């Protein structure tokens, strides 16, 4: 970690990156560092990490421009494949969905549907759309986070995979609330996409589920 960060604290280690919480020029930030992979050829590894870092930053910027609450990118260190972004203070939706009032639960799920549809209309697949990657911030605003697997795409199948991932997250972690939450999500989605577009995506969801394809692009 570069020494420009104050009090860096490791909060997550993923398959391709280490994520830190730190202070940076007086700001509370998240620092995502895509770490080198020793099993890859050095030049290829550098190119892959650079490409994914730039893509994630572009997706975050584009998502915010299209009305999706997401972290703000403050700085890119392309030499080290580091993104510095705003820290979203709040609680993961995964940890609160079964603890809030029914009205708040439906509000959250509807907003997630709205923001997912905005992403898709903007040509973005989130790629890891689970309740672990959604935060209710102080004040109640819902943010989508962790765009590391996101891609720019116009393929309806990619949009369907996002919805399948959200369905699976609800079914596995919030199964008692599944139907009400998923219905609220779909209402939010349709309010942005329109009913016809929602029908097309749900038809693709059924097709993909029958095939058992859940693989997303890396």
C-alpha atoms as a PDB file:
ATOM      1  CA  UNK A   1       0.000   0.000   0.000  1.00  0.00           C
ATOM      2  CA  UNK A   2       1.362   3.451  -0.875  1.00  0.00           C
ATOM      3  CA  UNK A   3       2.193   5.509   2.206  1.00  0.00           C
ATOM      4  CA  UNK A   4      -0.226   8.325   1.246  1.00  0.00           C
ATOM      5  CA  UNK A   5      -2.990   6.430   3.086  1.00  0.00           C
ATOM      6  CA  UNK A   6      -3.489   6.933   6.813  1.00  0.00           C
ATOM      7  CA  UNK A   7      -4.419   4.014   9.067  1.00  0.00           C
ATOM      8  CA  UNK A   8      -5.204   1.511   6.308  1.00  0.00           C
ATOM      9  CA  UNK A   9      -7.239  -1.417   7.626  1.00  0.00           C
ATOM     10  CA  UNK A  10      -7.783  -4.544   5.561  1.00  0.00           C
ATOM     11  CA  UNK A  11     -11.525  -5.252   5.396  1.00  0.00           C
ATOM     12  CA  UNK A  12     -11.792  -7.806   2.593  1.00  0.00           C
ATOM     13  CA  UNK A  13      -9.607 -10.152   0.573  1.00  0.00           C
ATOM     14  CA  UNK A  14     -11.121 -11.392  -2.664  1.00  0.00           C
ATOM     15  CA  UNK A  15      -9.921 -13.555  -5.515  1.00  0.00           C
ATOM     16  CA  UNK A  16      -8.322 -10.636  -7.319  1.00  0.00           C
ATOM     17  CA  UNK A  17      -8.116  -7.733  -4.889  1.00  0.00           C
ATOM     18  CA  UNK A  18      -7.463  -6.556  -1.360  1.00  0.00           C
ATOM     19  CA  UNK A  19      -9.849  -3.912  -0.047  1.00  0.00           C
ATOM     20  CA  UNK A  20      -8.829  -1.449   2.660  1.00  0.00           C
ATOM     21  CA  UNK A  21     -10.577   1.256   4.617  1.00  0.00           C
ATOM     22  CA  UNK A  22      -8.346   4.268   5.194  1.00  0.00           C
ATOM     23  CA  UNK A  23      -8.087   8.034   5.362  1.00  0.00           C
ATOM     24  CA  UNK A  24      -6.732   9.886   2.361  1.00  0.00           C
ATOM     25  CA  UNK A  25      -6.167  13.644   2.428  1.00  0.00           C
ATOM     26  CA  UNK A  26      -8.789  13.969   5.149  1.00  0.00           C
ATOM     27  CA  UNK A  27     -11.375  11.774   3.417  1.00  0.00           C
ATOM     28  CA  UNK A  28     -12.660   8.410   4.601  1.00  0.00           C
ATOM     29  CA  UNK A  29     -12.081   6.100   1.652  1.00  0.00           C
ATOM     30  CA  UNK A  30     -12.094   2.546   0.391  1.00  0.00           C
ATOM     31  CA  UNK A  31      -8.909   1.486  -1.379  1.00  0.00           C
ATOM     32  CA  UNK A  32      -9.190  -1.434  -3.781  1.00  0.00           C
ATOM     33  CA  UNK A  33      -5.853  -2.906  -4.795  1.00  0.00           C
ATOM     34  CA  UNK A  34      -5.788  -5.542  -7.510  1.00  0.00           C
ATOM     35  CA  UNK A  35      -2.858  -7.647  -6.444  1.00  0.00           C
ATOM     36  CA  UNK A  36      -0.340  -9.258  -8.824  1.00  0.00           C
ATOM     37  CA  UNK A  37      -0.855 -12.930  -9.623  1.00  0.00           C
ATOM     38  CA  UNK A  38       2.480 -14.776  -9.569  1.00  0.00           C
ATOM     39  CA  UNK A  39       1.153 -17.612 -11.741  1.00  0.00           C
ATOM     40  CA  UNK A  40       0.536 -15.224 -14.671  1.00  0.00           C
ATOM     41  CA  UNK A  41       3.161 -13.881 -17.050  1.00  0.00           C
ATOM     42  CA  UNK A  42       4.156 -10.520 -15.568  1.00  0.00           C
ATOM     43  CA  UNK A  43       3.253  -8.373 -18.566  1.00  0.00           C
ATOM     44  CA  UNK A  44      -0.066 -10.153 -19.086  1.00  0.00           C
ATOM     45  CA  UNK A  45      -0.872  -9.846 -15.386  1.00  0.00           C
ATOM     46  CA  UNK A  46      -0.188  -6.110 -15.440  1.00  0.00           C
ATOM     47  CA  UNK A  47      -2.382  -5.666 -18.520  1.00  0.00           C
ATOM     48  CA  UNK A  48      -5.292  -7.645 -17.009  1.00  0.00           C
ATOM     49  CA  UNK A  49      -5.174  -5.742 -13.724  1.00  0.00           C
ATOM     50  CA  UNK A  50      -4.940  -2.402 -15.513  1.00  0.00           C
ATOM     51  CA  UNK A  51      -7.836  -3.204 -17.840  1.00  0.00           C
ATOM     52  CA  UNK A  52     -10.101  -4.352 -15.002  1.00  0.00           C
ATOM     53  CA  UNK A  53      -9.225  -1.367 -12.837  1.00  0.00           C
ATOM     54  CA  UNK A  54     -10.005   1.113 -15.603  1.00  0.00           C
ATOM     55  CA  UNK A  55     -13.209  -0.712 -16.501  1.00  0.00           C
ATOM     56  CA  UNK A  56     -14.467  -0.691 -12.912  1.00  0.00           C
ATOM     57  CA  UNK A  57     -13.772   3.028 -12.568  1.00  0.00           C
ATOM     58  CA  UNK A  58     -15.583   3.767 -15.830  1.00  0.00           C
ATOM     59  CA  UNK A  59     -18.570   1.658 -14.778  1.00  0.00           C
ATOM     60  CA  UNK A  60     -18.813   3.454 -11.431  1.00  0.00           C
ATOM     61  CA  UNK A  61     -18.729   6.846 -13.128  1.00  0.00           C
ATOM     62  CA  UNK A  62     -21.300   5.812 -15.735  1.00  0.00           C
ATOM     63  CA  UNK A  63     -23.591   4.259 -13.110  1.00  0.00           C
ATOM     64  CA  UNK A  64     -23.636   7.452 -11.058  1.00  0.00           C
ATOM     65  CA  UNK A  65     -24.317   9.562 -14.151  1.00  0.00           C
ATOM     66  CA  UNK A  66     -27.364   7.390 -14.789  1.00  0.00           C
ATOM     67  CA  UNK A  67     -28.887   7.807 -11.354  1.00  0.00           C
ATOM     68  CA  UNK A  68     -27.494   4.792  -9.528  1.00  0.00           C
ATOM     69  CA  UNK A  69     -26.127   5.587  -6.044  1.00  0.00           C
ATOM     70  CA  UNK A  70     -22.619   4.123  -6.013  1.00  0.00           C
ATOM     71  CA  UNK A  71     -19.200   4.992  -4.571  1.00  0.00           C
ATOM     72  CA  UNK A  72     -17.464   8.050  -6.007  1.00  0.00           C
ATOM     73  CA  UNK A  73     -14.071   7.405  -7.596  1.00  0.00           C
ATOM     74  CA  UNK A  74     -11.538   9.875  -6.198  1.00  0.00           C
ATOM     75  CA  UNK A  75      -8.309   8.624  -7.713  1.00  0.00           C
ATOM     76  CA  UNK A  76      -6.819   5.928  -9.949  1.00  0.00           C
ATOM     77  CA  UNK A  77      -3.279   4.654  -9.461  1.00  0.00           C
ATOM     78  CA  UNK A  78      -2.880   2.781 -12.732  1.00  0.00           C
ATOM     79  CA  UNK A  79       0.719   1.793 -12.044  1.00  0.00           C
ATOM     80  CA  UNK A  80      -0.400  -0.238  -9.031  1.00  0.00           C
ATOM     81  CA  UNK A  81      -3.977  -1.030 -10.161  1.00  0.00           C
ATOM     82  CA  UNK A  82      -5.530   0.853  -7.243  1.00  0.00           C
ATOM     83  CA  UNK A  83      -8.908   2.583  -7.085  1.00  0.00           C
ATOM     84  CA  UNK A  84      -9.565   5.087  -4.306  1.00  0.00           C
ATOM     85  CA  UNK A  85     -13.291   5.615  -3.775  1.00  0.00           C
ATOM     86  CA  UNK A  86     -15.677   7.030  -1.208  1.00  0.00           C
ATOM     87  CA  UNK A  87     -16.488   4.959   1.863  1.00  0.00           C
ATOM     88  CA  UNK A  88     -20.231   4.368   2.233  1.00  0.00           C
ATOM     89  CA  UNK A  89     -21.088   4.335   5.924  1.00  0.00           C
ATOM     90  CA  UNK A  90     -24.081   2.115   6.629  1.00  0.00           C
ATOM     91  CA  UNK A  91     -25.352  -1.457   6.949  1.00  0.00           C
ATOM     92  CA  UNK A  92     -25.394  -4.152   4.303  1.00  0.00           C
ATOM     93  CA  UNK A  93     -28.894  -4.973   3.107  1.00  0.00           C
ATOM     94  CA  UNK A  94     -28.090  -8.628   3.769  1.00  0.00           C
ATOM     95  CA  UNK A  95     -27.779  -7.859   7.485  1.00  0.00           C
ATOM     96  CA  UNK A  96     -30.921  -5.774   7.918  1.00  0.00           C
ATOM     97  CA  UNK A  97     -33.576  -7.023   5.504  1.00  0.00           C
ATOM     98  CA  UNK A  98     -35.254  -9.296   8.046  1.00  0.00           C
ATOM     99  CA  UNK A  99     -34.941  -6.736  10.870  1.00  0.00           C
ATOM    100  CA  UNK A 100     -36.649  -3.678   9.387  1.00  0.00           C
ATOM    101  CA  UNK A 101     -40.370  -2.963   9.112  1.00  0.00           C
ATOM    102  CA  UNK A 102     -42.313  -4.497   6.198  1.00  0.00           C
ATOM    103  CA  UNK A 103     -42.696  -1.024   4.689  1.00  0.00           C
ATOM    104  CA  UNK A 104     -38.959  -0.353   4.832  1.00  0.00           C
ATOM    105  CA  UNK A 105     -38.189  -3.792   3.448  1.00  0.00           C
ATOM    106  CA  UNK A 106     -40.418  -3.209   0.421  1.00  0.00           C
ATOM    107  CA  UNK A 107     -38.956   0.277  -0.062  1.00  0.00           C
ATOM    108  CA  UNK A 108     -35.437  -1.121  -0.122  1.00  0.00           C
ATOM    109  CA  UNK A 109     -36.246  -3.919  -2.562  1.00  0.00           C
ATOM    110  CA  UNK A 110     -38.181  -1.615  -4.849  1.00  0.00           C
ATOM    111  CA  UNK A 111     -35.246   0.811  -4.950  1.00  0.00           C
ATOM    112  CA  UNK A 112     -32.865  -2.033  -5.735  1.00  0.00           C
ATOM    113  CA  UNK A 113     -35.138  -2.867  -8.675  1.00  0.00           C
ATOM    114  CA  UNK A 114     -35.132   0.761  -9.808  1.00  0.00           C
ATOM    115  CA  UNK A 115     -31.346   0.999  -9.654  1.00  0.00           C
ATOM    116  CA  UNK A 116     -30.844  -2.358 -11.370  1.00  0.00           C
ATOM    117  CA  UNK A 117     -33.063  -1.252 -14.254  1.00  0.00           C
ATOM    118  CA  UNK A 118     -31.160   2.039 -14.493  1.00  0.00           C
ATOM    119  CA  UNK A 119     -27.917   0.091 -14.747  1.00  0.00           C
ATOM    120  CA  UNK A 120     -29.347  -2.119 -17.467  1.00  0.00           C
ATOM    121  CA  UNK A 121     -30.761   0.825 -19.443  1.00  0.00           C
ATOM    122  CA  UNK A 122     -27.286   2.356 -19.276  1.00  0.00           C
ATOM    123  CA  UNK A 123     -25.789  -0.835 -20.713  1.00  0.00           C
ATOM    124  CA  UNK A 124     -24.203  -2.079 -17.489  1.00  0.00           C
ATOM    125  CA  UNK A 125     -24.331  -5.518 -15.912  1.00  0.00           C
ATOM    126  CA  UNK A 126     -23.467  -5.391 -12.207  1.00  0.00           C
ATOM    127  CA  UNK A 127     -22.185  -8.963 -12.206  1.00  0.00           C
ATOM    128  CA  UNK A 128     -22.531  -9.643  -8.470  1.00  0.00           C
ATOM    129  CA  UNK A 129     -25.980  -8.332  -7.586  1.00  0.00           C
ATOM    130  CA  UNK A 130     -26.455  -9.754  -4.098  1.00  0.00           C
ATOM    131  CA  UNK A 131     -27.735  -8.191  -0.880  1.00  0.00           C
ATOM    132  CA  UNK A 132     -24.137  -8.237   0.394  1.00  0.00           C
ATOM    133  CA  UNK A 133     -23.289  -5.633  -2.242  1.00  0.00           C
ATOM    134  CA  UNK A 134     -26.034  -3.198  -1.253  1.00  0.00           C
ATOM    135  CA  UNK A 135     -25.741  -0.741   1.628  1.00  0.00           C
ATOM    136  CA  UNK A 136     -28.388   1.285   3.405  1.00  0.00           C
ATOM    137  CA  UNK A 137     -26.479   4.415   4.277  1.00  0.00           C
ATOM    138  CA  UNK A 138     -27.157   6.799   7.116  1.00  0.00           C
ATOM    139  CA  UNK A 139     -30.327   8.638   6.154  1.00  0.00           C
ATOM    140  CA  UNK A 140     -31.788   5.585   4.424  1.00  0.00           C
ATOM    141  CA  UNK A 141     -30.277   5.959   0.968  1.00  0.00           C
ATOM    142  CA  UNK A 142     -29.523   2.652  -0.782  1.00  0.00           C
ATOM    143  CA  UNK A 143     -26.156   2.249  -2.524  1.00  0.00           C
ATOM    144  CA  UNK A 144     -24.925  -0.472  -4.851  1.00  0.00           C
ATOM    145  CA  UNK A 145     -21.266  -1.366  -4.289  1.00  0.00           C
ATOM    146  CA  UNK A 146     -18.550  -3.751  -5.523  1.00  0.00           C
ATOM    147  CA  UNK A 147     -18.589  -3.306  -9.281  1.00  0.00           C
ATOM    148  CA  UNK A 148     -15.495  -5.462  -9.775  1.00  0.00           C
ATOM    149  CA  UNK A 149     -17.311  -7.911 -12.069  1.00  0.00           C
ATOM    150  CA  UNK A 150     -19.329  -5.282 -13.920  1.00  0.00           C
ATOM    151  CA  UNK A 151     -19.199  -4.960 -17.691  1.00  0.00           C
ATOM    152  CA  UNK A 152     -20.673  -2.747 -20.365  1.00  0.00           C
ATOM    153  CA  UNK A 153     -23.125  -4.873 -22.335  1.00  0.00           C
ATOM    154  CA  UNK A 154     -26.363  -4.775 -24.301  1.00  0.00           C
ATOM    155  CA  UNK A 155     -26.966  -8.528 -24.058  1.00  0.00           C
ATOM    156  CA  UNK A 156     -30.305  -9.260 -22.378  1.00  0.00           C
ATOM    157  CA  UNK A 157     -28.821 -12.501 -21.053  1.00  0.00           C
ATOM    158  CA  UNK A 158     -26.332 -10.527 -18.971  1.00  0.00           C
ATOM    159  CA  UNK A 159     -29.218  -8.525 -17.523  1.00  0.00           C
ATOM    160  CA  UNK A 160     -31.036 -11.771 -16.761  1.00  0.00           C
ATOM    161  CA  UNK A 161     -28.007 -13.091 -14.892  1.00  0.00           C
ATOM    162  CA  UNK A 162     -28.104 -10.028 -12.616  1.00  0.00           C
ATOM    163  CA  UNK A 163     -31.727 -10.772 -11.752  1.00  0.00           C
ATOM    164  CA  UNK A 164     -30.956 -14.449 -11.182  1.00  0.00           C
ATOM    165  CA  UNK A 165     -28.152 -13.536  -8.797  1.00  0.00           C
ATOM    166  CA  UNK A 166     -30.505 -11.294  -6.832  1.00  0.00           C
ATOM    167  CA  UNK A 167     -33.150 -14.040  -6.766  1.00  0.00           C
ATOM    168  CA  UNK A 168     -30.624 -16.541  -5.476  1.00  0.00           C
ATOM    169  CA  UNK A 169     -29.436 -14.154  -2.770  1.00  0.00           C
ATOM    170  CA  UNK A 170     -33.013 -13.677  -1.575  1.00  0.00           C
ATOM    171  CA  UNK A 171     -33.811 -17.383  -1.735  1.00  0.00           C
ATOM    172  CA  UNK A 172     -30.708 -18.458   0.165  1.00  0.00           C
ATOM    173  CA  UNK A 173     -30.428 -15.731   2.804  1.00  0.00           C
ATOM    174  CA  UNK A 174     -33.924 -14.262   3.081  1.00  0.00           C
ATOM    175  CA  UNK A 175     -36.067 -17.202   1.965  1.00  0.00           C
ATOM    176  CA  UNK A 176     -39.018 -16.373   4.240  1.00  0.00           C
ATOM    177  CA  UNK A 177     -39.204 -12.938   2.652  1.00  0.00           C
ATOM    178  CA  UNK A 178     -38.463 -14.057  -0.883  1.00  0.00           C
ATOM    179  CA  UNK A 179     -41.785 -13.476  -2.622  1.00  0.00           C
ATOM    180  CA  UNK A 180     -42.601 -10.066  -1.165  1.00  0.00           C
ATOM    181  CA  UNK A 181     -39.044  -8.843  -1.720  1.00  0.00           C
ATOM    182  CA  UNK A 182     -38.747 -10.149  -5.262  1.00  0.00           C
ATOM    183  CA  UNK A 183     -42.161  -8.774  -6.216  1.00  0.00           C
ATOM    184  CA  UNK A 184     -41.129  -5.343  -4.885  1.00  0.00           C
ATOM    185  CA  UNK A 185     -37.873  -5.585  -6.846  1.00  0.00           C
ATOM    186  CA  UNK A 186     -39.788  -6.348 -10.048  1.00  0.00           C
ATOM    187  CA  UNK A 187     -42.171  -3.438  -9.485  1.00  0.00           C
ATOM    188  CA  UNK A 188     -39.215  -1.112  -9.120  1.00  0.00           C
ATOM    189  CA  UNK A 189     -37.525  -2.564 -12.191  1.00  0.00           C
ATOM    190  CA  UNK A 190     -40.676  -2.202 -14.316  1.00  0.00           C
ATOM    191  CA  UNK A 191     -41.143   1.417 -13.228  1.00  0.00           C
ATOM    192  CA  UNK A 192     -37.924   2.219 -15.105  1.00  0.00           C
ATOM    193  CA  UNK A 193     -37.766  -0.384 -17.867  1.00  0.00           C
ATOM    194  CA  UNK A 194     -41.460  -0.638 -18.715  1.00  0.00           C
ATOM    195  CA  UNK A 195     -43.558  -3.792 -18.517  1.00  0.00           C
ATOM    196  CA  UNK A 196     -42.618  -5.052 -21.976  1.00  0.00           C
ATOM    197  CA  UNK A 197     -38.895  -4.835 -21.293  1.00  0.00           C
ATOM    198  CA  UNK A 198     -39.373  -6.571 -17.942  1.00  0.00           C
ATOM    199  CA  UNK A 199     -41.259  -9.409 -19.666  1.00  0.00           C
ATOM    200  CA  UNK A 200     -38.391  -9.856 -22.123  1.00  0.00           C
ATOM    201  CA  UNK A 201     -35.807 -10.001 -19.343  1.00  0.00           C
ATOM    202  CA  UNK A 202     -37.890 -12.419 -17.256  1.00  0.00           C
ATOM    203  CA  UNK A 203     -38.320 -14.682 -20.285  1.00  0.00           C
ATOM    204  CA  UNK A 204     -34.542 -14.768 -20.577  1.00  0.00           C
ATOM    205  CA  UNK A 205     -34.286 -15.414 -16.812  1.00  0.00           C
ATOM    206  CA  UNK A 206     -36.441 -18.527 -17.248  1.00  0.00           C
ATOM    207  CA  UNK A 207     -34.370 -19.663 -20.217  1.00  0.00           C
ATOM    208  CA  UNK A 208     -31.072 -19.194 -18.403  1.00  0.00           C
ATOM    209  CA  UNK A 209     -32.364 -20.920 -15.270  1.00  0.00           C
ATOM    210  CA  UNK A 210     -33.427 -23.916 -17.357  1.00  0.00           C
ATOM    211  CA  UNK A 211     -29.941 -24.116 -18.845  1.00  0.00           C
ATOM    212  CA  UNK A 212     -28.283 -23.601 -15.481  1.00  0.00           C
ATOM    213  CA  UNK A 213     -25.962 -20.844 -16.755  1.00  0.00           C
ATOM    214  CA  UNK A 214     -24.939 -18.490 -13.975  1.00  0.00           C
ATOM    215  CA  UNK A 215     -21.413 -17.715 -15.091  1.00  0.00           C
ATOM    216  CA  UNK A 216     -20.608 -14.025 -15.347  1.00  0.00           C
ATOM    217  CA  UNK A 217     -17.704 -12.388 -17.108  1.00  0.00           C
ATOM    218  CA  UNK A 218     -14.535 -11.649 -15.190  1.00  0.00           C
END
